[in-house]
Amino acid sequence: MTEQARQLIIHGTTLAGHRFRPSDWAERLAGVMSQFRPAGCAGSHLTYSPYAVPRVINGVNCVVVDHRLRALEPLAWKFVIEFARDNSLTIEGELE
């Protein structure tokens, strides 16, 4: 049996309950993270990393971040977390 991947979800709503703008923020953030991939994973600059994927959840733009990114590239993990904190975005899941 394989272990389920732990995920962190950054929601496009602020802690004050407002929608985060611009509306394509999730695609932009995931695009920046697209270079971080598992070893041996084929991918091009036109695809998202499996570690940071934009999704729409309950009508809200989100980025689902795989916790394995933290071990692969700690600075990328830190960048994503600080982006969410700097913009007062709602975070679901464990940060540690």
PDB file of N, CA and C in Angstrom:
ATOM      1  N   MET A   1       0.844  -1.172   0.000  1.00  0.00           N
ATOM      2  CA  MET A   1       0.000   0.000   0.000  1.00  0.00           C
ATOM      3  C   MET A   1       0.891   1.238   0.000  1.00  0.00           C
ATOM      4  N   THR A   2       0.576   2.211  -0.846  1.00  0.00           N
ATOM      5  CA  THR A   2       1.381   3.415  -0.917  1.00  0.00           C
ATOM      6  C   THR A   2       0.863   4.463   0.052  1.00  0.00           C
ATOM      7  N   GLU A   3       1.770   5.282   0.505  1.00  0.00           N
ATOM      8  CA  GLU A   3       1.401   6.355   1.423  1.00  0.00           C
ATOM      9  C   GLU A   3       0.739   7.478   0.642  1.00  0.00           C
ATOM     10  N   GLN A   4      -0.340   8.022   1.178  1.00  0.00           N
ATOM     11  CA  GLN A   4      -1.041   9.108   0.517  1.00  0.00           C
ATOM     12  C   GLN A   4      -0.213  10.381   0.629  1.00  0.00           C
ATOM     13  N   ALA A   5      -0.099  11.091  -0.481  1.00  0.00           N
ATOM     14  CA  ALA A   5       0.661  12.336  -0.488  1.00  0.00           C
ATOM     15  C   ALA A   5      -0.064  13.389   0.347  1.00  0.00           C
ATOM     16  N   ARG A   6       0.686  14.092   1.159  1.00  0.00           N
ATOM     17  CA  ARG A   6       0.121  15.185   1.944  1.00  0.00           C
ATOM     18  C   ARG A   6       0.098  16.434   1.087  1.00  0.00           C
ATOM     19  N   GLN A   7      -0.973  17.180   1.218  1.00  0.00           N
ATOM     20  CA  GLN A   7      -1.132  18.369   0.394  1.00  0.00           C
ATOM     21  C   GLN A   7      -1.505  19.580   1.233  1.00  0.00           C
ATOM     22  N   LEU A   8      -1.106  20.703   0.706  1.00  0.00           N
ATOM     23  CA  LEU A   8      -1.439  21.998   1.268  1.00  0.00           C
ATOM     24  C   LEU A   8      -2.254  22.708   0.193  1.00  0.00           C
ATOM     25  N   ILE A   9      -3.355  23.310   0.557  1.00  0.00           N
ATOM     26  CA  ILE A   9      -4.172  24.012  -0.432  1.00  0.00           C
ATOM     27  C   ILE A   9      -4.182  25.492  -0.086  1.00  0.00           C
ATOM     28  N   ILE A  10      -3.770  26.299  -1.057  1.00  0.00           N
ATOM     29  CA  ILE A  10      -3.816  27.751  -0.912  1.00  0.00           C
ATOM     30  C   ILE A  10      -5.059  28.208  -1.664  1.00  0.00           C
ATOM     31  N   HIS A  11      -6.009  28.748  -0.919  1.00  0.00           N
ATOM     32  CA  HIS A  11      -7.274  29.198  -1.505  1.00  0.00           C
ATOM     33  C   HIS A  11      -7.165  30.659  -1.942  1.00  0.00           C
ATOM     34  N   GLY A  12      -7.874  30.985  -2.998  1.00  0.00           N
ATOM     35  CA  GLY A  12      -7.874  32.346  -3.525  1.00  0.00           C
ATOM     36  C   GLY A  12      -8.826  33.268  -2.800  1.00  0.00           C
ATOM     37  N   THR A  13      -8.972  33.063  -1.512  1.00  0.00           N
ATOM     38  CA  THR A  13      -9.745  33.976  -0.676  1.00  0.00           C
ATOM     39  C   THR A  13      -8.841  34.456   0.450  1.00  0.00           C
ATOM     40  N   THR A  14      -8.973  35.716   0.783  1.00  0.00           N
ATOM     41  CA  THR A  14      -8.148  36.274   1.850  1.00  0.00           C
ATOM     42  C   THR A  14      -8.738  35.896   3.199  1.00  0.00           C
ATOM     43  N   LEU A  15      -7.968  36.115   4.230  1.00  0.00           N
ATOM     44  CA  LEU A  15      -8.445  35.840   5.588  1.00  0.00           C
ATOM     45  C   LEU A  15      -9.641  36.714   5.933  1.00  0.00           C
ATOM     46  N   ALA A  16      -9.781  37.846   5.233  1.00  0.00           N
ATOM     47  CA  ALA A  16     -10.926  38.738   5.445  1.00  0.00           C
ATOM     48  C   ALA A  16     -12.143  38.305   4.624  1.00  0.00           C
ATOM     49  N   GLY A  17     -11.989  37.240   3.806  1.00  0.00           N
ATOM     50  CA  GLY A  17     -13.111  36.716   3.046  1.00  0.00           C
ATOM     51  C   GLY A  17     -13.274  37.267   1.641  1.00  0.00           C
ATOM     52  N   HIS A  18     -12.302  38.041   1.169  1.00  0.00           N
ATOM     53  CA  HIS A  18     -12.374  38.615  -0.177  1.00  0.00           C
ATOM     54  C   HIS A  18     -11.695  37.706  -1.196  1.00  0.00           C
ATOM     55  N   ARG A  19     -12.137  37.779  -2.445  1.00  0.00           N
ATOM     56  CA  ARG A  19     -11.476  37.047  -3.536  1.00  0.00           C
ATOM     57  C   ARG A  19     -10.140  37.712  -3.823  1.00  0.00           C
ATOM     58  N   PHE A  20      -9.126  36.879  -4.031  1.00  0.00           N
ATOM     59  CA  PHE A  20      -7.796  37.397  -4.339  1.00  0.00           C
ATOM     60  C   PHE A  20      -7.720  37.718  -5.820  1.00  0.00           C
ATOM     61  N   ARG A  21      -7.091  38.814  -6.157  1.00  0.00           N
ATOM     62  CA  ARG A  21      -6.905  39.240  -7.535  1.00  0.00           C
ATOM     63  C   ARG A  21      -5.431  39.359  -7.838  1.00  0.00           C
ATOM     64  N   PRO A  22      -4.975  39.146  -9.046  1.00  0.00           N
ATOM     65  CA  PRO A  22      -5.751  38.963 -10.263  1.00  0.00           C
ATOM     66  C   PRO A  22      -6.373  37.573 -10.329  1.00  0.00           C
ATOM     67  N   SER A  23      -7.342  37.423 -11.204  1.00  0.00           N
ATOM     68  CA  SER A  23      -8.090  36.167 -11.258  1.00  0.00           C
ATOM     69  C   SER A  23      -7.235  34.991 -11.711  1.00  0.00           C
ATOM     70  N   ASP A  24      -6.110  35.237 -12.371  1.00  0.00           N
ATOM     71  CA  ASP A  24      -5.246  34.138 -12.837  1.00  0.00           C
ATOM     72  C   ASP A  24      -4.053  33.900 -11.911  1.00  0.00           C
ATOM     73  N   TRP A  25      -4.158  34.333 -10.660  1.00  0.00           N
ATOM     74  CA  TRP A  25      -3.040  34.209  -9.733  1.00  0.00           C
ATOM     75  C   TRP A  25      -2.591  32.754  -9.560  1.00  0.00           C
ATOM     76  N   ALA A  26      -3.532  31.807  -9.538  1.00  0.00           N
ATOM     77  CA  ALA A  26      -3.188  30.403  -9.297  1.00  0.00           C
ATOM     78  C   ALA A  26      -2.352  29.848 -10.455  1.00  0.00           C
ATOM     79  N   GLU A  27      -2.724  30.173 -11.685  1.00  0.00           N
ATOM     80  CA  GLU A  27      -1.958  29.728 -12.844  1.00  0.00           C
ATOM     81  C   GLU A  27      -0.571  30.359 -12.857  1.00  0.00           C
ATOM     82  N   ARG A  28      -0.492  31.613 -12.460  1.00  0.00           N
ATOM     83  CA  ARG A  28       0.813  32.297 -12.405  1.00  0.00           C
ATOM     84  C   ARG A  28       1.733  31.645 -11.372  1.00  0.00           C
ATOM     85  N   LEU A  29       1.195  31.410 -10.180  1.00  0.00           N
ATOM     86  CA  LEU A  29       2.005  30.795  -9.122  1.00  0.00           C
ATOM     87  C   LEU A  29       2.446  29.390  -9.527  1.00  0.00           C
ATOM     88  N   ALA A  30       1.518  28.594 -10.048  1.00  0.00           N
ATOM     89  CA  ALA A  30       1.869  27.240 -10.488  1.00  0.00           C
ATOM     90  C   ALA A  30       2.860  27.281 -11.643  1.00  0.00           C
ATOM     91  N   GLY A  31       2.759  28.277 -12.501  1.00  0.00           N
ATOM     92  CA  GLY A  31       3.708  28.422 -13.599  1.00  0.00           C
ATOM     93  C   GLY A  31       5.124  28.689 -13.104  1.00  0.00           C
ATOM     94  N   VAL A  32       5.251  29.519 -12.076  1.00  0.00           N
ATOM     95  CA  VAL A  32       6.566  29.794 -11.485  1.00  0.00           C
ATOM     96  C   VAL A  32       7.158  28.514 -10.905  1.00  0.00           C
ATOM     97  N   MET A  33       6.304  27.674 -10.343  1.00  0.00           N
ATOM     98  CA  MET A  33       6.764  26.444  -9.699  1.00  0.00           C
ATOM     99  C   MET A  33       6.937  25.281 -10.685  1.00  0.00           C
ATOM    100  N   SER A  34       6.644  25.479 -11.961  1.00  0.00           N
ATOM    101  CA  SER A  34       6.648  24.385 -12.944  1.00  0.00           C
ATOM    102  C   SER A  34       8.005  23.725 -13.137  1.00  0.00           C
ATOM    103  N   GLN A  35       9.073  24.412 -12.818  1.00  0.00           N
ATOM    104  CA  GLN A  35      10.404  23.827 -13.011  1.00  0.00           C
ATOM    105  C   GLN A  35      10.748  22.751 -11.976  1.00  0.00           C
ATOM    106  N   PHE A  36      10.018  22.690 -10.873  1.00  0.00           N
ATOM    107  CA  PHE A  36      10.318  21.721  -9.822  1.00  0.00           C
ATOM    108  C   PHE A  36       9.531  20.439 -10.064  1.00  0.00           C
ATOM    109  N   ARG A  37      10.252  19.373 -10.390  1.00  0.00           N
ATOM    110  CA  ARG A  37       9.643  18.100 -10.764  1.00  0.00           C
ATOM    111  C   ARG A  37      10.388  16.953 -10.096  1.00  0.00           C
ATOM    112  N   PRO A  38       9.730  15.800  -9.987  1.00  0.00           N
ATOM    113  CA  PRO A  38      10.418  14.619  -9.449  1.00  0.00           C
ATOM    114  C   PRO A  38      11.557  14.212 -10.383  1.00  0.00           C
ATOM    115  N   ALA A  39      12.564  13.576  -9.837  1.00  0.00           N
ATOM    116  CA  ALA A  39      13.691  13.099 -10.644  1.00  0.00           C
ATOM    117  C   ALA A  39      13.180  12.166 -11.737  1.00  0.00           C
ATOM    118  N   GLY A  40      13.655  12.379 -12.951  1.00  0.00           N
ATOM    119  CA  GLY A  40      13.274  11.529 -14.069  1.00  0.00           C
ATOM    120  C   GLY A  40      11.924  11.835 -14.662  1.00  0.00           C
ATOM    121  N   CYS A  41      11.254  12.863 -14.168  1.00  0.00           N
ATOM    122  CA  CYS A  41       9.930  13.220 -14.668  1.00  0.00           C
ATOM    123  C   CYS A  41      10.079  14.061 -15.923  1.00  0.00           C
ATOM    124  N   ALA A  42       9.549  13.536 -17.003  1.00  0.00           N
ATOM    125  CA  ALA A  42       9.589  14.291 -18.253  1.00  0.00           C
ATOM    126  C   ALA A  42       8.514  15.359 -18.207  1.00  0.00           C
ATOM    127  N   GLY A  43       8.862  16.511 -18.648  1.00  0.00           N
ATOM    128  CA  GLY A  43       7.892  17.596 -18.680  1.00  0.00           C
ATOM    129  C   GLY A  43       8.468  18.741 -19.482  1.00  0.00           C
ATOM    130  N   SER A  44       7.607  19.579 -19.956  1.00  0.00           N
ATOM    131  CA  SER A  44       8.075  20.724 -20.714  1.00  0.00           C
ATOM    132  C   SER A  44       7.731  21.998 -19.958  1.00  0.00           C
ATOM    133  N   HIS A  45       8.167  23.097 -20.519  1.00  0.00           N
ATOM    134  CA  HIS A  45       7.874  24.377 -19.889  1.00  0.00           C
ATOM    135  C   HIS A  45       6.391  24.744 -20.021  1.00  0.00           C
ATOM    136  N   LEU A  46       5.644  23.927 -20.745  1.00  0.00           N
ATOM    137  CA  LEU A  46       4.221  24.191 -20.949  1.00  0.00           C
ATOM    138  C   LEU A  46       3.319  23.385 -20.015  1.00  0.00           C
ATOM    139  N   THR A  47       3.913  22.666 -19.077  1.00  0.00           N
ATOM    140  CA  THR A  47       3.120  21.873 -18.139  1.00  0.00           C
ATOM    141  C   THR A  47       3.433  22.293 -16.705  1.00  0.00           C
ATOM    142  N   TYR A  48       2.487  22.053 -15.815  1.00  0.00           N
ATOM    143  CA  TYR A  48       2.690  22.365 -14.406  1.00  0.00           C
ATOM    144  C   TYR A  48       3.450  21.238 -13.733  1.00  0.00           C
ATOM    145  N   SER A  49       4.131  21.582 -12.676  1.00  0.00           N
ATOM    146  CA  SER A  49       4.790  20.590 -11.839  1.00  0.00           C
ATOM    147  C   SER A  49       3.716  19.798 -11.088  1.00  0.00           C
ATOM    148  N   PRO A  50       3.955  18.520 -10.846  1.00  0.00           N
ATOM    149  CA  PRO A  50       2.992  17.777 -10.031  1.00  0.00           C
ATOM    150  C   PRO A  50       2.998  18.238  -8.565  1.00  0.00           C
ATOM    151  N   TYR A  51       3.956  19.068  -8.190  1.00  0.00           N
ATOM    152  CA  TYR A  51       4.059  19.555  -6.822  1.00  0.00           C
ATOM    153  C   TYR A  51       3.252  20.824  -6.549  1.00  0.00           C
ATOM    154  N   ALA A  52       2.831  21.536  -7.599  1.00  0.00           N
ATOM    155  CA  ALA A  52       2.043  22.762  -7.435  1.00  0.00           C
ATOM    156  C   ALA A  52       1.104  22.879  -8.627  1.00  0.00           C
ATOM    157  N   VAL A  53      -0.161  22.573  -8.387  1.00  0.00           N
ATOM    158  CA  VAL A  53      -1.129  22.488  -9.468  1.00  0.00           C
ATOM    159  C   VAL A  53      -2.306  23.423  -9.188  1.00  0.00           C
ATOM    160  N   PRO A  54      -2.674  24.256 -10.170  1.00  0.00           N
ATOM    161  CA  PRO A  54      -3.847  25.101  -9.969  1.00  0.00           C
ATOM    162  C   PRO A  54      -5.129  24.269 -10.082  1.00  0.00           C
ATOM    163  N   ARG A  55      -6.087  24.576  -9.252  1.00  0.00           N
ATOM    164  CA  ARG A  55      -7.381  23.882  -9.255  1.00  0.00           C
ATOM    165  C   ARG A  55      -8.469  24.888  -8.891  1.00  0.00           C
ATOM    166  N   VAL A  56      -9.686  24.580  -9.291  1.00  0.00           N
ATOM    167  CA  VAL A  56     -10.843  25.341  -8.835  1.00  0.00           C
ATOM    168  C   VAL A  56     -11.588  24.428  -7.868  1.00  0.00           C
ATOM    169  N   ILE A  57     -11.709  24.877  -6.632  1.00  0.00           N
ATOM    170  CA  ILE A  57     -12.380  24.103  -5.590  1.00  0.00           C
ATOM    171  C   ILE A  57     -13.542  24.937  -5.065  1.00  0.00           C
ATOM    172  N   ASN A  58     -14.742  24.399  -5.216  1.00  0.00           N
ATOM    173  CA  ASN A  58     -15.961  25.113  -4.796  1.00  0.00           C
ATOM    174  C   ASN A  58     -16.041  26.509  -5.397  1.00  0.00           C
ATOM    175  N   GLY A  59     -15.631  26.622  -6.658  1.00  0.00           N
ATOM    176  CA  GLY A  59     -15.715  27.895  -7.363  1.00  0.00           C
ATOM    177  C   GLY A  59     -14.610  28.884  -7.040  1.00  0.00           C
ATOM    178  N   VAL A  60     -13.616  28.465  -6.278  1.00  0.00           N
ATOM    179  CA  VAL A  60     -12.518  29.351  -5.871  1.00  0.00           C
ATOM    180  C   VAL A  60     -11.215  28.844  -6.470  1.00  0.00           C
ATOM    181  N   ASN A  61     -10.450  29.752  -7.095  1.00  0.00           N
ATOM    182  CA  ASN A  61      -9.138  29.375  -7.609  1.00  0.00           C
ATOM    183  C   ASN A  61      -8.219  29.029  -6.450  1.00  0.00           C
ATOM    184  N   CYS A  62      -7.501  27.915  -6.592  1.00  0.00           N
ATOM    185  CA  CYS A  62      -6.607  27.432  -5.543  1.00  0.00           C
ATOM    186  C   CYS A  62      -5.332  26.891  -6.176  1.00  0.00           C
ATOM    187  N   VAL A  63      -4.323  26.686  -5.358  1.00  0.00           N
ATOM    188  CA  VAL A  63      -3.126  25.953  -5.769  1.00  0.00           C
ATOM    189  C   VAL A  63      -2.942  24.833  -4.754  1.00  0.00           C
ATOM    190  N   VAL A  64      -2.864  23.610  -5.264  1.00  0.00           N
ATOM    191  CA  VAL A  64      -2.635  22.446  -4.423  1.00  0.00           C
ATOM    192  C   VAL A  64      -1.131  22.176  -4.451  1.00  0.00           C
ATOM    193  N   VAL A  65      -0.508  22.240  -3.292  1.00  0.00           N
ATOM    194  CA  VAL A  65       0.940  22.083  -3.172  1.00  0.00           C
ATOM    195  C   VAL A  65       1.234  20.777  -2.451  1.00  0.00           C
ATOM    196  N   ASP A  66       2.023  19.938  -3.075  1.00  0.00           N
ATOM    197  CA  ASP A  66       2.418  18.654  -2.500  1.00  0.00           C
ATOM    198  C   ASP A  66       3.541  18.896  -1.495  1.00  0.00           C
ATOM    199  N   HIS A  67       3.430  18.278  -0.321  1.00  0.00           N
ATOM    200  CA  HIS A  67       4.446  18.458   0.729  1.00  0.00           C
ATOM    201  C   HIS A  67       5.827  17.963   0.303  1.00  0.00           C
ATOM    202  N   ARG A  68       5.906  17.101  -0.698  1.00  0.00           N
ATOM    203  CA  ARG A  68       7.213  16.613  -1.152  1.00  0.00           C
ATOM    204  C   ARG A  68       8.067  17.739  -1.728  1.00  0.00           C
ATOM    205  N   LEU A  69       7.441  18.836  -2.136  1.00  0.00           N
ATOM    206  CA  LEU A  69       8.195  19.990  -2.638  1.00  0.00           C
ATOM    207  C   LEU A  69       9.143  20.510  -1.564  1.00  0.00           C
ATOM    208  N   ARG A  70       8.726  20.422  -0.326  1.00  0.00           N
ATOM    209  CA  ARG A  70       9.544  20.928   0.782  1.00  0.00           C
ATOM    210  C   ARG A  70      10.900  20.219   0.848  1.00  0.00           C
ATOM    211  N   ALA A  71      10.903  18.903   0.648  1.00  0.00           N
ATOM    212  CA  ALA A  71      12.154  18.141   0.681  1.00  0.00           C
ATOM    213  C   ALA A  71      12.952  18.340  -0.602  1.00  0.00           C
ATOM    214  N   LEU A  72      12.257  18.445  -1.721  1.00  0.00           N
ATOM    215  CA  LEU A  72      12.923  18.605  -3.011  1.00  0.00           C
ATOM    216  C   LEU A  72      13.618  19.956  -3.124  1.00  0.00           C
ATOM    217  N   GLU A  73      12.906  21.014  -2.751  1.00  0.00           N
ATOM    218  CA  GLU A  73      13.444  22.363  -2.865  1.00  0.00           C
ATOM    219  C   GLU A  73      12.859  23.254  -1.769  1.00  0.00           C
ATOM    220  N   PRO A  74      13.537  23.301  -0.622  1.00  0.00           N
ATOM    221  CA  PRO A  74      13.025  24.073   0.520  1.00  0.00           C
ATOM    222  C   PRO A  74      12.756  25.548   0.212  1.00  0.00           C
ATOM    223  N   LEU A  75      13.566  26.160  -0.644  1.00  0.00           N
ATOM    224  CA  LEU A  75      13.339  27.568  -0.964  1.00  0.00           C
ATOM    225  C   LEU A  75      12.072  27.769  -1.795  1.00  0.00           C
ATOM    226  N   ALA A  76      11.748  26.813  -2.644  1.00  0.00           N
ATOM    227  CA  ALA A  76      10.502  26.887  -3.416  1.00  0.00           C
ATOM    228  C   ALA A  76       9.309  26.757  -2.468  1.00  0.00           C
ATOM    229  N   TRP A  77       9.401  25.834  -1.518  1.00  0.00           N
ATOM    230  CA  TRP A  77       8.351  25.670  -0.512  1.00  0.00           C
ATOM    231  C   TRP A  77       8.164  26.976   0.260  1.00  0.00           C
ATOM    232  N   LYS A  78       9.282  27.553   0.692  1.00  0.00           N
ATOM    233  CA  LYS A  78       9.240  28.800   1.443  1.00  0.00           C
ATOM    234  C   LYS A  78       8.602  29.912   0.609  1.00  0.00           C
ATOM    235  N   PHE A  79       8.924  29.975  -0.673  1.00  0.00           N
ATOM    236  CA  PHE A  79       8.361  30.984  -1.558  1.00  0.00           C
ATOM    237  C   PHE A  79       6.839  30.875  -1.624  1.00  0.00           C
ATOM    238  N   VAL A  80       6.335  29.652  -1.778  1.00  0.00           N
ATOM    239  CA  VAL A  80       4.893  29.431  -1.876  1.00  0.00           C
ATOM    240  C   VAL A  80       4.197  29.826  -0.575  1.00  0.00           C
ATOM    241  N   ILE A  81       4.756  29.409   0.542  1.00  0.00           N
ATOM    242  CA  ILE A  81       4.160  29.722   1.842  1.00  0.00           C
ATOM    243  C   ILE A  81       4.182  31.233   2.094  1.00  0.00           C
ATOM    244  N   GLU A  82       5.290  31.867   1.792  1.00  0.00           N
ATOM    245  CA  GLU A  82       5.392  33.315   2.005  1.00  0.00           C
ATOM    246  C   GLU A  82       4.474  34.082   1.065  1.00  0.00           C
ATOM    247  N   PHE A  83       4.276  33.579  -0.152  1.00  0.00           N
ATOM    248  CA  PHE A  83       3.327  34.203  -1.072  1.00  0.00           C
ATOM    249  C   PHE A  83       1.937  34.202  -0.441  1.00  0.00           C
ATOM    250  N   ALA A  84       1.541  33.057   0.091  1.00  0.00           N
ATOM    251  CA  ALA A  84       0.226  32.951   0.715  1.00  0.00           C
ATOM    252  C   ALA A  84       0.110  33.866   1.940  1.00  0.00           C
ATOM    253  N   ARG A  85       1.128  33.879   2.765  1.00  0.00           N
ATOM    254  CA  ARG A  85       1.094  34.717   3.973  1.00  0.00           C
ATOM    255  C   ARG A  85       1.125  36.197   3.624  1.00  0.00           C
ATOM    256  N   ASP A  86       1.996  36.592   2.691  1.00  0.00           N
ATOM    257  CA  ASP A  86       2.112  38.000   2.311  1.00  0.00           C
ATOM    258  C   ASP A  86       0.805  38.549   1.753  1.00  0.00           C
ATOM    259  N   ASN A  87       0.031  37.682   1.106  1.00  0.00           N
ATOM    260  CA  ASN A  87      -1.227  38.104   0.503  1.00  0.00           C
ATOM    261  C   ASN A  87      -2.443  37.736   1.355  1.00  0.00           C
ATOM    262  N   SER A  88      -2.192  37.301   2.587  1.00  0.00           N
ATOM    263  CA  SER A  88      -3.246  36.940   3.548  1.00  0.00           C
ATOM    264  C   SER A  88      -4.236  35.936   2.973  1.00  0.00           C
ATOM    265  N   LEU A  89      -3.712  34.928   2.259  1.00  0.00           N
ATOM    266  CA  LEU A  89      -4.567  33.915   1.661  1.00  0.00           C
ATOM    267  C   LEU A  89      -4.867  32.803   2.659  1.00  0.00           C
ATOM    268  N   THR A  90      -6.013  32.195   2.484  1.00  0.00           N
ATOM    269  CA  THR A  90      -6.423  31.092   3.334  1.00  0.00           C
ATOM    270  C   THR A  90      -5.620  29.854   2.960  1.00  0.00           C
ATOM    271  N   ILE A  91      -5.060  29.178   3.964  1.00  0.00           N
ATOM    272  CA  ILE A  91      -4.266  27.965   3.750  1.00  0.00           C
ATOM    273  C   ILE A  91      -4.960  26.811   4.463  1.00  0.00           C
ATOM    274  N   GLU A  92      -5.120  25.722   3.752  1.00  0.00           N
ATOM    275  CA  GLU A  92      -5.724  24.514   4.330  1.00  0.00           C
ATOM    276  C   GLU A  92      -4.675  23.410   4.321  1.00  0.00           C
ATOM    277  N   GLY A  93      -4.471  22.778   5.441  1.00  0.00           N
ATOM    278  CA  GLY A  93      -3.490  21.701   5.548  1.00  0.00           C
ATOM    279  C   GLY A  93      -2.373  22.090   6.496  1.00  0.00           C
ATOM    280  N   GLU A  94      -1.477  21.155   6.697  1.00  0.00           N
ATOM    281  CA  GLU A  94      -0.372  21.360   7.633  1.00  0.00           C
ATOM    282  C   GLU A  94       0.798  22.062   6.950  1.00  0.00           C
ATOM    283  N   LEU A  95       1.354  23.048   7.625  1.00  0.00           N
ATOM    284  CA  LEU A  95       2.519  23.743   7.102  1.00  0.00           C
ATOM    285  C   LEU A  95       3.800  22.988   7.421  1.00  0.00           C
ATOM    286  N   GLU A  96       3.782  22.198   8.440  1.00  0.00           N
ATOM    287  CA  GLU A  96       4.982  21.450   8.852  1.00  0.00           C
ATOM    288  C   GLU A  96       4.979  20.066   8.311  1.00  0.00           C
TER     289      GLU A  96
END
